[in-house]
């Protein structure tokens, strides 16, 4: 049977909006596949799986193992309360019972484990190695054959859903485009008009998976730079070196370690010592950071929430973004997509935003004093913006 016929036969009860969502999900998958393999009909993908070091190394030795199916009683308990603990089950699976992957390494990184250094490594690195601002992590990259794909739009927090249930009959995998749900590690299916932050692939049969690479990597932290704040907590940084209240520039750029970026930050701080930077690389990271800072799950995040609200209210937060980020949503227009998202959020309405674009004539329609959006290719003008100097609005 034709794959598309199988999809529509299995979802005959869908509303028109749900059908359009599923079609959009499949079109996005085909787009990703074509970029990866040059052929949207070849659904063999390179996918990432984040887990602890022990689990990743066990997978490397003996492949993934098939999760056991949940019993009817366990599914009934989950249906009544999705937080119900099930013996021997760490995660029942929001979008179906199976092995989870993503095509986005930054998403897999959210679930990756730290690497335990051997005694010899610790002795070799010594104290200087520990202070180097780097943290080793591990992920598995595998070839995944998706087969017949079921496009998921079911929200695990609403009914009916796929929470803990087997893959849909007649399908070899589930595929879902997800967005951040307001919590740093909670993601739900995108609405029809929403842009995805990441994707998730669910596989039931380990025979569809070929573990290929154990990838060791390091998260670079910029704490050695005194003017770059830790993303997870800025509540303790109440004043700049000049004694005044700090001002925060959220700089979204896909090359945060570029020497020119570091030099620009130094120039800004020389002009305005109270400025501090938060460095992010994608719109998804911006959404996650804002949701983390607004979370009330701990006393530290409560401080962050209050501090962020106060700083936004008093005009001490600005956002700067470049235009093109090929690994971000919108790709060549990623900066435009980010600004439109910020402006659609009423809580961020007072934040002034700058688009640093080398071809500003192509996007000058974004420039708006009323919407507090600066567009410029002039580095000096962007430096002044980041130094919280008053914007000299002009007619374009």
Foldseek 3Di string as FASTA:
>chain_A
DDLVVVQCVLPVVDDPQVVLLLVVQLVVQLVVVCVVPVGSVQQWAWWKAAAEPVVQVVCVVPNDDFDDADDPVVVVVCVVPVPDDDPPDPFLDLAARAGKIWNDVVLNVVHWHFDDDDPVVCVVCDPVVVVQQKTKTKMWIKTFRFFREHEDQAWSVDPPHRRNHHPDPPGFKYKAFWADPLALNDIHGDGSPDDGFTMMMGGRDSVRIGTDDIDMDIDGDDVVPVQEDDLQADLVVQWFPVRHGAFEEEEAAQCCPPPVNVVLVVVLCVLARRYHYYYHHELRVVSSSVSSCCDPPDPRSVSSNVVVLVCLVVARYEYEYEQADCVYPVHNRRVVVSLVVLCVDPSNQSHAYEYQYCCQVVVVVQDDPVSNYHYDVDSVLVSCVSSVHDHDDDDD
